[in-house]
PDB file of N, CA and C in Angstrom:
ATOM      1  N   MET A   1      40.734 -37.436  22.744  1.00  0.00           N
ATOM      2  CA  MET A   1      41.215 -36.573  23.175  1.00  0.00           C
ATOM      3  C   MET A   1      40.113 -35.759  25.061  1.00  0.00           C
ATOM      4  N   ARG A   2      38.864 -35.739  24.156  1.00  0.00           N
ATOM      5  CA  ARG A   2      37.825 -35.759  25.318  1.00  0.00           C
ATOM      6  C   ARG A   2      37.519 -35.910  26.867  1.00  0.00           C
ATOM      7  N   PHE A   3      37.922 -37.758  26.355  1.00  0.00           N
ATOM      8  CA  PHE A   3      38.315 -38.810  27.530  1.00  0.00           C
ATOM      9  C   PHE A   3      39.171 -37.933  28.316  1.00  0.00           C
ATOM     10  N   LEU A   4      40.530 -37.441  27.937  1.00  0.00           N
ATOM     11  CA  LEU A   4      41.937 -36.933  28.288  1.00  0.00           C
ATOM     12  C   LEU A   4      41.548 -35.847  29.274  1.00  0.00           C
ATOM     13  N   ILE A   5      40.789 -34.840  28.374  1.00  0.00           N
ATOM     14  CA  ILE A   5      40.067 -33.563  29.418  1.00  0.00           C
ATOM     15  C   ILE A   5      39.047 -34.282  30.192  1.00  0.00           C
ATOM     16  N   SER A   6      38.448 -34.838  30.034  1.00  0.00           N
ATOM     17  CA  SER A   6      37.530 -35.697  30.978  1.00  0.00           C
ATOM     18  C   SER A   6      38.362 -36.254  32.404  1.00  0.00           C
ATOM     19  N   LEU A   7      39.349 -36.385  32.042  1.00  0.00           N
ATOM     20  CA  LEU A   7      39.691 -37.544  33.262  1.00  0.00           C
ATOM     21  C   LEU A   7      40.760 -36.485  33.614  1.00  0.00           C
ATOM     22  N   ALA A   8      41.527 -35.611  33.212  1.00  0.00           N
ATOM     23  CA  ALA A   8      42.187 -34.047  33.883  1.00  0.00           C
ATOM     24  C   ALA A   8      40.918 -33.407  34.739  1.00  0.00           C
ATOM     25  N   PHE A   9      40.247 -33.410  34.767  1.00  0.00           N
ATOM     26  CA  PHE A   9      39.233 -32.235  35.279  1.00  0.00           C
ATOM     27  C   PHE A   9      38.866 -33.158  36.282  1.00  0.00           C
ATOM     28  N   VAL A  10      38.524 -34.628  36.344  1.00  0.00           N
ATOM     29  CA  VAL A  10      37.459 -35.424  37.238  1.00  0.00           C
ATOM     30  C   VAL A  10      39.394 -35.244  38.216  1.00  0.00           C
ATOM     31  N   ALA A  11      40.339 -35.596  37.875  1.00  0.00           N
ATOM     32  CA  ALA A  11      41.629 -35.581  38.251  1.00  0.00           C
ATOM     33  C   ALA A  11      41.896 -34.230  39.622  1.00  0.00           C
ATOM     34  N   LEU A  12      41.626 -33.345  38.593  1.00  0.00           N
ATOM     35  CA  LEU A  12      41.849 -31.618  39.627  1.00  0.00           C
ATOM     36  C   LEU A  12      40.455 -31.307  40.556  1.00  0.00           C
ATOM     37  N   VAL A  13      39.414 -31.652  40.141  1.00  0.00           N
ATOM     38  CA  VAL A  13      38.523 -31.967  41.336  1.00  0.00           C
ATOM     39  C   VAL A  13      38.783 -33.350  42.502  1.00  0.00           C
ATOM     40  N   GLY A  14      38.802 -34.076  42.085  1.00  0.00           N
ATOM     41  CA  GLY A  14      39.391 -34.688  43.465  1.00  0.00           C
ATOM     42  C   GLY A  14      40.802 -33.867  44.274  1.00  0.00           C
ATOM     43  N   CYS A  15      41.742 -33.556  43.602  1.00  0.00           N
ATOM     44  CA  CYS A  15      42.386 -32.678  44.137  1.00  0.00           C
ATOM     45  C   CYS A  15      42.109 -31.389  44.988  1.00  0.00           C
ATOM     46  N   SER A  16      41.493 -30.732  44.628  1.00  0.00           N
ATOM     47  CA  SER A  16      40.458 -29.655  44.926  1.00  0.00           C
ATOM     48  C   SER A  16      40.094 -29.897  46.145  1.00  0.00           C
ATOM     49  N   ALA A  17      39.557 -30.970  46.109  1.00  0.00           N
ATOM     50  CA  ALA A  17      38.593 -31.086  47.886  1.00  0.00           C
ATOM     51  C   ALA A  17      39.470 -32.015  48.519  1.00  0.00           C
ATOM     52  N   SER A  18      40.307 -32.955  48.041  1.00  0.00           N
ATOM     53  CA  SER A  18      41.550 -33.165  49.192  1.00  0.00           C
ATOM     54  C   SER A  18      42.235 -31.690  49.376  1.00  0.00           C
ATOM     55  N   SER A  19      42.629 -31.454  48.788  1.00  0.00           N
ATOM     56  CA  SER A  19      43.411 -30.157  49.472  1.00  0.00           C
ATOM     57  C   SER A  19      42.478 -29.133  50.571  1.00  0.00           C
ATOM     58  N   THR A  20      42.049 -28.361  50.726  1.00  0.00           N
ATOM     59  CA  THR A  20      40.513 -28.133  50.862  1.00  0.00           C
ATOM     60  C   THR A  20      40.814 -29.304  52.468  1.00  0.00           C
ATOM     61  N   GLN A  21      40.504 -30.242  52.176  1.00  0.00           N
ATOM     62  CA  GLN A  21      40.997 -31.217  53.118  1.00  0.00           C
ATOM     63  C   GLN A  21      42.291 -30.711  54.309  1.00  0.00           C
ATOM     64  N   THR A  22      42.941 -30.957  53.618  1.00  0.00           N
ATOM     65  CA  THR A  22      44.370 -30.905  53.720  1.00  0.00           C
ATOM     66  C   THR A  22      44.553 -29.719  54.522  1.00  0.00           C
ATOM     67  N   ASN A  23      43.891 -28.399  54.162  1.00  0.00           N
ATOM     68  CA  ASN A  23      43.825 -27.000  54.365  1.00  0.00           C
ATOM     69  C   ASN A  23      43.494 -26.998  55.689  1.00  0.00           C
ATOM     70  N   ASP A  24      42.143 -28.073  55.884  1.00  0.00           N
ATOM     71  CA  ASP A  24      41.313 -27.609  56.963  1.00  0.00           C
ATOM     72  C   ASP A  24      41.901 -28.132  58.632  1.00  0.00           C
ATOM     73  N   VAL A  25      42.674 -29.538  57.756  1.00  0.00           N
ATOM     74  CA  VAL A  25      43.646 -30.366  59.275  1.00  0.00           C
ATOM     75  C   VAL A  25      44.652 -29.535  59.307  1.00  0.00           C
ATOM     76  N   ALA A  26      44.957 -28.547  58.244  1.00  0.00           N
ATOM     77  CA  ALA A  26      46.476 -28.014  58.712  1.00  0.00           C
ATOM     78  C   ALA A  26      45.965 -26.931  60.045  1.00  0.00           C
ATOM     79  N   ALA A  27      44.530 -26.233  59.247  1.00  0.00           N
ATOM     80  CA  ALA A  27      44.148 -25.332  59.684  1.00  0.00           C
ATOM     81  C   ALA A  27      43.654 -25.760  61.225  1.00  0.00           C
ATOM     82  N   ALA A  28      43.249 -26.721  61.675  1.00  0.00           N
ATOM     83  CA  ALA A  28      42.697 -27.338  62.915  1.00  0.00           C
ATOM     84  C   ALA A  28      44.114 -27.387  63.452  1.00  0.00           C
ATOM     85  N   GLU A  29      45.617 -27.730  63.089  1.00  0.00           N
ATOM     86  CA  GLU A  29      46.220 -27.708  64.130  1.00  0.00           C
ATOM     87  C   GLU A  29      47.641 -26.741  64.305  1.00  0.00           C
ATOM     88  N   VAL A  30      46.604 -25.592  63.785  1.00  0.00           N
ATOM     89  CA  VAL A  30      47.789 -24.352  63.609  1.00  0.00           C
ATOM     90  C   VAL A  30      46.344 -24.005  65.169  1.00  0.00           C
ATOM     91  N   ALA A  31      45.370 -23.569  65.054  1.00  0.00           N
ATOM     92  CA  ALA A  31      44.956 -24.143  66.301  1.00  0.00           C
ATOM     93  C   ALA A  31      45.047 -24.063  67.285  1.00  0.00           C
ATOM     94  N   LEU A  32      45.330 -25.428  67.214  1.00  0.00           N
ATOM     95  CA  LEU A  32      45.811 -26.214  68.327  1.00  0.00           C
ATOM     96  C   LEU A  32      46.914 -25.565  68.753  1.00  0.00           C
ATOM     97  N   THR A  33      47.811 -25.739  68.200  1.00  0.00           N
ATOM     98  CA  THR A  33      49.131 -24.648  68.075  1.00  0.00           C
ATOM     99  C   THR A  33      49.149 -23.464  69.090  1.00  0.00           C
ATOM    100  N   GLY A  34      48.036 -22.498  68.448  1.00  0.00           N
ATOM    101  CA  GLY A  34      48.022 -21.473  69.536  1.00  0.00           C
ATOM    102  C   GLY A  34      46.767 -21.498  70.725  1.00  0.00           C
ATOM    103  N   ALA A  35      46.550 -22.688  71.050  1.00  0.00           N
ATOM    104  CA  ALA A  35      45.502 -23.004  72.126  1.00  0.00           C
ATOM    105  C   ALA A  35      46.653 -23.456  73.144  1.00  0.00           C
ATOM    106  N   GLU A  36      47.454 -24.091  72.629  1.00  0.00           N
ATOM    107  CA  GLU A  36      48.493 -24.750  73.344  1.00  0.00           C
ATOM    108  C   GLU A  36      49.126 -23.328  73.783  1.00  0.00           C
ATOM    109  N   ARG A  37      49.629 -22.536  73.431  1.00  0.00           N
ATOM    110  CA  ARG A  37      50.176 -21.628  73.616  1.00  0.00           C
ATOM    111  C   ARG A  37      49.671 -20.491  75.109  1.00  0.00           C
ATOM    112  N   LEU A  38      48.670 -20.466  74.819  1.00  0.00           N
ATOM    113  CA  LEU A  38      47.561 -20.134  75.892  1.00  0.00           C
ATOM    114  C   LEU A  38      47.108 -20.459  77.188  1.00  0.00           C
ATOM    115  N   ALA A  39      47.714 -22.187  76.693  1.00  0.00           N
ATOM    116  CA  ALA A  39      47.392 -22.746  78.432  1.00  0.00           C
ATOM    117  C   ALA A  39      48.997 -23.154  79.105  1.00  0.00           C
ATOM    118  N   LEU A  40      49.964 -23.067  78.292  1.00  0.00           N
ATOM    119  CA  LEU A  40      51.488 -22.735  78.462  1.00  0.00           C
ATOM    120  C   LEU A  40      51.156 -21.842  79.941  1.00  0.00           C
ATOM    121  N   VAL A  41      50.650 -20.193  79.378  1.00  0.00           N
ATOM    122  CA  VAL A  41      50.491 -19.098  79.897  1.00  0.00           C
ATOM    123  C   VAL A  41      49.959 -19.643  81.525  1.00  0.00           C
ATOM    124  N   TYR A  42      48.890 -20.008  81.009  1.00  0.00           N
ATOM    125  CA  TYR A  42      48.128 -20.370  82.175  1.00  0.00           C
ATOM    126  C   TYR A  42      48.549 -21.405  83.312  1.00  0.00           C
ATOM    127  N   THR A  43      48.837 -22.125  82.779  1.00  0.00           N
ATOM    128  CA  THR A  43      49.383 -23.552  83.946  1.00  0.00           C
ATOM    129  C   THR A  43      50.055 -23.264  84.409  1.00  0.00           C
ATOM    130  N   SER A  44      50.991 -21.823  83.886  1.00  0.00           N
ATOM    131  CA  SER A  44      52.853 -21.660  84.487  1.00  0.00           C
ATOM    132  C   SER A  44      52.320 -20.853  85.243  1.00  0.00           C
ATOM    133  N   LEU A  45      51.188 -20.189  85.472  1.00  0.00           N
ATOM    134  CA  LEU A  45      50.901 -19.518  86.954  1.00  0.00           C
ATOM    135  C   LEU A  45      51.391 -20.449  87.743  1.00  0.00           C
ATOM    136  N   PRO A  46      51.311 -19.151  89.776  1.00  0.00           N
ATOM    137  CA  PRO A  46      51.858 -20.704  90.328  1.00  0.00           C
ATOM    138  C   PRO A  46      50.134 -21.068  91.216  1.00  0.00           C
ATOM    139  N   ARG A  47      50.109 -22.283  91.527  1.00  0.00           N
ATOM    140  CA  ARG A  47      49.236 -22.511  92.028  1.00  0.00           C
ATOM    141  C   ARG A  47      48.256 -21.734  93.704  1.00  0.00           C
ATOM    142  N   CYS A  48      46.689 -21.784  92.746  1.00  0.00           N
ATOM    143  CA  CYS A  48      45.908 -21.033  93.871  1.00  0.00           C
ATOM    144  C   CYS A  48      46.070 -21.690  95.335  1.00  0.00           C
ATOM    145  N   PRO A  49      45.609 -21.422  96.732  1.00  0.00           N
ATOM    146  CA  PRO A  49      45.717 -19.934  96.646  1.00  0.00           C
ATOM    147  C   PRO A  49      47.592 -19.356  96.499  1.00  0.00           C
ATOM    148  N   GLY A  50      47.498 -18.168  96.873  1.00  0.00           N
ATOM    149  CA  GLY A  50      48.969 -18.099  97.260  1.00  0.00           C
ATOM    150  C   GLY A  50      49.075 -16.362  96.736  1.00  0.00           C
ATOM    151  N   ALA A  51      49.293 -17.135  94.981  1.00  0.00           N
ATOM    152  CA  ALA A  51      49.662 -15.600  94.832  1.00  0.00           C
ATOM    153  C   ALA A  51      48.994 -14.911  93.842  1.00  0.00           C
ATOM    154  N   THR A  52      49.173 -13.991  92.734  1.00  0.00           N
ATOM    155  CA  THR A  52      48.431 -13.323  92.450  1.00  0.00           C
ATOM    156  C   THR A  52      48.972 -12.535  90.797  1.00  0.00           C
ATOM    157  N   PRO A  53      48.125 -13.270  89.596  1.00  0.00           N
ATOM    158  CA  PRO A  53      47.700 -14.242  89.484  1.00  0.00           C
ATOM    159  C   PRO A  53      48.065 -15.400  89.998  1.00  0.00           C
ATOM    160  N   CYS A  54      47.291 -16.221  89.913  1.00  0.00           N
ATOM    161  CA  CYS A  54      47.786 -18.051  90.025  1.00  0.00           C
ATOM    162  C   CYS A  54      45.931 -18.591  88.844  1.00  0.00           C
ATOM    163  N   SER A  55      46.796 -20.428  88.997  1.00  0.00           N
ATOM    164  CA  SER A  55      46.182 -21.190  88.349  1.00  0.00           C
ATOM    165  C   SER A  55      45.382 -22.053  89.189  1.00  0.00           C
ATOM    166  N   ASP A  56      44.320 -22.276  88.518  1.00  0.00           N
ATOM    167  CA  ASP A  56      43.317 -23.366  90.042  1.00  0.00           C
ATOM    168  C   ASP A  56      44.197 -24.868  89.214  1.00  0.00           C
ATOM    169  N   ALA A  57      44.054 -25.764  90.306  1.00  0.00           N
ATOM    170  CA  ALA A  57      44.972 -26.990  90.167  1.00  0.00           C
ATOM    171  C   ALA A  57      43.524 -27.807  89.092  1.00  0.00           C
ATOM    172  N   ALA A  58      42.205 -27.738  89.676  1.00  0.00           N
ATOM    173  CA  ALA A  58      40.986 -28.312  88.521  1.00  0.00           C
ATOM    174  C   ALA A  58      41.126 -28.052  87.092  1.00  0.00           C
ATOM    175  N   THR A  59      41.029 -26.723  87.412  1.00  0.00           N
ATOM    176  CA  THR A  59      41.682 -26.260  85.922  1.00  0.00           C
ATOM    177  C   THR A  59      42.922 -26.891  84.909  1.00  0.00           C
ATOM    178  N   VAL A  60      43.858 -26.737  85.773  1.00  0.00           N
ATOM    179  CA  VAL A  60      44.936 -27.242  84.971  1.00  0.00           C
ATOM    180  C   VAL A  60      44.609 -28.603  84.506  1.00  0.00           C
ATOM    181  N   ALA A  61      44.351 -29.452  85.640  1.00  0.00           N
ATOM    182  CA  ALA A  61      43.898 -30.617  85.328  1.00  0.00           C
ATOM    183  C   ALA A  61      42.687 -30.941  83.802  1.00  0.00           C
ATOM    184  N   THR A  62      41.773 -30.387  83.831  1.00  0.00           N
ATOM    185  CA  THR A  62      40.990 -30.112  82.569  1.00  0.00           C
ATOM    186  C   THR A  62      41.615 -29.609  81.738  1.00  0.00           C
ATOM    187  N   ILE A  63      42.383 -28.286  81.748  1.00  0.00           N
ATOM    188  CA  ILE A  63      43.400 -27.935  80.710  1.00  0.00           C
ATOM    189  C   ILE A  63      44.394 -29.145  79.667  1.00  0.00           C
ATOM    190  N   LYS A  64      45.137 -30.146  80.865  1.00  0.00           N
ATOM    191  CA  LYS A  64      45.954 -30.935  80.534  1.00  0.00           C
ATOM    192  C   LYS A  64      45.176 -31.862  79.683  1.00  0.00           C
ATOM    193  N   SER A  65      43.616 -32.267  80.147  1.00  0.00           N
ATOM    194  CA  SER A  65      42.957 -33.607  79.708  1.00  0.00           C
ATOM    195  C   SER A  65      42.861 -32.931  78.331  1.00  0.00           C
ATOM    196  N   LEU A  66      42.221 -31.810  77.866  1.00  0.00           N
ATOM    197  CA  LEU A  66      41.337 -31.245  77.026  1.00  0.00           C
ATOM    198  C   LEU A  66      42.761 -31.563  75.718  1.00  0.00           C
ATOM    199  N   ASP A  67      43.455 -30.941  76.027  1.00  0.00           N
ATOM    200  CA  ASP A  67      45.052 -31.115  75.095  1.00  0.00           C
ATOM    201  C   ASP A  67      45.060 -32.059  74.834  1.00  0.00           C
ATOM    202  N   ASN A  68      45.475 -32.968  75.633  1.00  0.00           N
ATOM    203  CA  ASN A  68      45.558 -34.816  75.739  1.00  0.00           C
ATOM    204  C   ASN A  68      44.749 -35.370  74.378  1.00  0.00           C
ATOM    205  N   GLN A  69      43.477 -34.787  74.434  1.00  0.00           N
ATOM    206  CA  GLN A  69      42.112 -34.987  73.424  1.00  0.00           C
ATOM    207  C   GLN A  69      42.423 -34.667  71.803  1.00  0.00           C
ATOM    208  N   ALA A  70      42.543 -32.700  72.175  1.00  0.00           N
ATOM    209  CA  ALA A  70      42.686 -32.279  71.045  1.00  0.00           C
ATOM    210  C   ALA A  70      43.308 -32.558  70.259  1.00  0.00           C
ATOM    211  N   TYR A  71      44.646 -32.935  70.675  1.00  0.00           N
ATOM    212  CA  TYR A  71      45.793 -33.305  70.099  1.00  0.00           C
ATOM    213  C   TYR A  71      45.481 -35.090  69.447  1.00  0.00           C
ATOM    214  N   ALA A  72      45.213 -36.213  70.219  1.00  0.00           N
ATOM    215  CA  ALA A  72      44.744 -37.285  69.714  1.00  0.00           C
ATOM    216  C   ALA A  72      43.474 -37.072  68.366  1.00  0.00           C
ATOM    217  N   ALA A  73      42.800 -35.387  68.363  1.00  0.00           N
ATOM    218  CA  ALA A  73      41.896 -35.727  67.217  1.00  0.00           C
ATOM    219  C   ALA A  73      43.027 -35.222  66.226  1.00  0.00           C
ATOM    220  N   VAL A  74      43.277 -33.943  66.025  1.00  0.00           N
ATOM    221  CA  VAL A  74      43.642 -33.022  65.072  1.00  0.00           C
ATOM    222  C   VAL A  74      45.128 -33.952  64.721  1.00  0.00           C
ATOM    223  N   THR A  75      45.506 -34.707  65.460  1.00  0.00           N
ATOM    224  CA  THR A  75      46.640 -36.577  64.720  1.00  0.00           C
ATOM    225  C   THR A  75      45.584 -36.920  63.933  1.00  0.00           C
ATOM    226  N   ALA A  76      44.859 -37.752  64.404  1.00  0.00           N
ATOM    227  CA  ALA A  76      43.464 -38.315  63.294  1.00  0.00           C
ATOM    228  C   ALA A  76      42.726 -38.305  62.925  1.00  0.00           C
ATOM    229  N   ALA A  77      43.063 -36.658  62.877  1.00  0.00           N
ATOM    230  CA  ALA A  77      42.579 -35.724  61.236  1.00  0.00           C
ATOM    231  C   ALA A  77      43.882 -36.027  60.158  1.00  0.00           C
ATOM    232  N   LYS A  78      44.181 -35.878  60.821  1.00  0.00           N
ATOM    233  CA  LYS A  78      45.920 -35.611  59.055  1.00  0.00           C
ATOM    234  C   LYS A  78      46.326 -36.949  58.905  1.00  0.00           C
ATOM    235  N   GLY A  79      45.271 -38.122  59.194  1.00  0.00           N
ATOM    236  CA  GLY A  79      45.574 -39.615  59.160  1.00  0.00           C
ATOM    237  C   GLY A  79      44.500 -39.739  58.287  1.00  0.00           C
ATOM    238  N   ASN A  80      43.181 -38.824  58.385  1.00  0.00           N
ATOM    239  CA  ASN A  80      41.969 -39.077  57.752  1.00  0.00           C
ATOM    240  C   ASN A  80      41.242 -37.832  57.734  1.00  0.00           C
ATOM    241  N   PRO A  81      41.328 -36.807  56.597  1.00  0.00           N
ATOM    242  CA  PRO A  81      40.919 -35.491  56.820  1.00  0.00           C
ATOM    243  C   PRO A  81      39.394 -35.360  57.199  1.00  0.00           C
ATOM    244  N   SER A  82      38.343 -36.702  57.112  1.00  0.00           N
ATOM    245  CA  SER A  82      37.134 -36.226  57.363  1.00  0.00           C
ATOM    246  C   SER A  82      36.912 -36.000  58.887  1.00  0.00           C
ATOM    247  N   LEU A  83      38.002 -36.732  59.518  1.00  0.00           N
ATOM    248  CA  LEU A  83      37.564 -36.060  60.992  1.00  0.00           C
ATOM    249  C   LEU A  83      38.105 -34.958  61.397  1.00  0.00           C
ATOM    250  N   VAL A  84      38.463 -33.578  60.785  1.00  0.00           N
ATOM    251  CA  VAL A  84      38.771 -32.903  60.834  1.00  0.00           C
ATOM    252  C   VAL A  84      37.760 -32.057  61.357  1.00  0.00           C
ATOM    253  N   ALA A  85      36.575 -32.080  61.503  1.00  0.00           N
ATOM    254  CA  ALA A  85      35.219 -31.052  62.479  1.00  0.00           C
ATOM    255  C   ALA A  85      35.269 -31.572  63.952  1.00  0.00           C
ATOM    256  N   ALA A  86      35.362 -33.136  64.367  1.00  0.00           N
ATOM    257  CA  ALA A  86      35.787 -33.875  65.285  1.00  0.00           C
ATOM    258  C   ALA A  86      36.697 -33.306  66.128  1.00  0.00           C
ATOM    259  N   ALA A  87      38.419 -33.021  65.317  1.00  0.00           N
ATOM    260  CA  ALA A  87      39.653 -32.280  66.244  1.00  0.00           C
ATOM    261  C   ALA A  87      39.381 -30.649  65.953  1.00  0.00           C
ATOM    262  N   THR A  88      38.696 -29.728  65.194  1.00  0.00           N
ATOM    263  CA  THR A  88      38.265 -28.526  65.414  1.00  0.00           C
ATOM    264  C   THR A  88      37.065 -28.365  66.936  1.00  0.00           C
ATOM    265  N   ALA A  89      35.834 -29.215  67.031  1.00  0.00           N
ATOM    266  CA  ALA A  89      35.625 -29.091  67.760  1.00  0.00           C
ATOM    267  C   ALA A  89      36.238 -29.404  69.419  1.00  0.00           C
ATOM    268  N   ALA A  90      37.581 -30.726  69.245  1.00  0.00           N
ATOM    269  CA  ALA A  90      37.472 -30.712  70.559  1.00  0.00           C
ATOM    270  C   ALA A  90      39.255 -29.148  70.621  1.00  0.00           C
ATOM    271  N   VAL A  91      39.699 -29.101  69.522  1.00  0.00           N
ATOM    272  CA  VAL A  91      40.278 -27.796  70.170  1.00  0.00           C
ATOM    273  C   VAL A  91      39.809 -26.901  70.712  1.00  0.00           C
ATOM    274  N   ALA A  92      38.210 -26.652  70.044  1.00  0.00           N
ATOM    275  CA  ALA A  92      37.458 -25.166  71.306  1.00  0.00           C
ATOM    276  C   ALA A  92      37.569 -25.799  72.222  1.00  0.00           C
ATOM    277  N   ALA A  93      36.632 -26.816  72.495  1.00  0.00           N
ATOM    278  CA  ALA A  93      36.495 -27.371  74.178  1.00  0.00           C
ATOM    279  C   ALA A  93      38.473 -26.867  74.714  1.00  0.00           C
ATOM    280  N   LEU A  94      39.000 -26.889  74.023  1.00  0.00           N
ATOM    281  CA  LEU A  94      40.450 -26.737  74.950  1.00  0.00           C
ATOM    282  C   LEU A  94      40.156 -25.426  75.144  1.00  0.00           C
ATOM    283  N   THR A  95      40.242 -24.672  73.907  1.00  0.00           N
ATOM    284  CA  THR A  95      40.369 -23.105  74.450  1.00  0.00           C
ATOM    285  C   THR A  95      39.562 -22.307  74.684  1.00  0.00           C
ATOM    286  N   ASN A  96      38.430 -23.077  74.935  1.00  0.00           N
ATOM    287  CA  ASN A  96      36.739 -22.576  76.204  1.00  0.00           C
ATOM    288  C   ASN A  96      37.686 -22.879  77.283  1.00  0.00           C
ATOM    289  N   ALA A  97      38.328 -24.054  77.705  1.00  0.00           N
ATOM    290  CA  ALA A  97      38.830 -24.146  79.206  1.00  0.00           C
ATOM    291  C   ALA A  97      39.474 -23.408  79.078  1.00  0.00           C
ATOM    292  N   ILE A  98      40.571 -22.495  79.092  1.00  0.00           N
ATOM    293  CA  ILE A  98      41.459 -21.787  79.059  1.00  0.00           C
ATOM    294  C   ILE A  98      41.218 -20.746  79.991  1.00  0.00           C
ATOM    295  N   PRO A  99      40.838 -20.038  81.175  1.00  0.00           N
ATOM    296  CA  PRO A  99      40.601 -18.924  81.834  1.00  0.00           C
ATOM    297  C   PRO A  99      41.213 -17.353  80.792  1.00  0.00           C
ATOM    298  N   ALA A 100      42.733 -17.715  80.614  1.00  0.00           N
ATOM    299  CA  ALA A 100      43.018 -16.120  79.954  1.00  0.00           C
ATOM    300  C   ALA A 100      42.207 -16.199  78.905  1.00  0.00           C
ATOM    301  N   SER A 101      41.836 -17.162  77.892  1.00  0.00           N
ATOM    302  CA  SER A 101      41.488 -17.155  76.427  1.00  0.00           C
ATOM    303  C   SER A 101      39.552 -16.645  76.380  1.00  0.00           C
ATOM    304  N   LYS A 102      39.571 -16.439  76.965  1.00  0.00           N
ATOM    305  CA  LYS A 102      38.132 -16.338  77.620  1.00  0.00           C
ATOM    306  C   LYS A 102      37.251 -14.945  77.152  1.00  0.00           C
TER     307      LYS A 102
END
């Protein structure tokens, strides 16, 4: 009986750690979605110069590149939750590149 209780405890602790990592990956995915919404607002603006407000073509290119990197990082973290820190950093880099989010 004591063995079964110990085994159940080990399984519970393992599930808890796994659940936390899964939650962290889900949080990174939600953050990516939010950043992509902000990016869409900015990248949908007419290109500068001309209209006001406008979006800078170089900034739009940077945002697209960082979005691809963040998406790849979040996707990788879904398959390997130990990569969640890299995914979170990639999403932060994307968010920081969006002028409207600063």
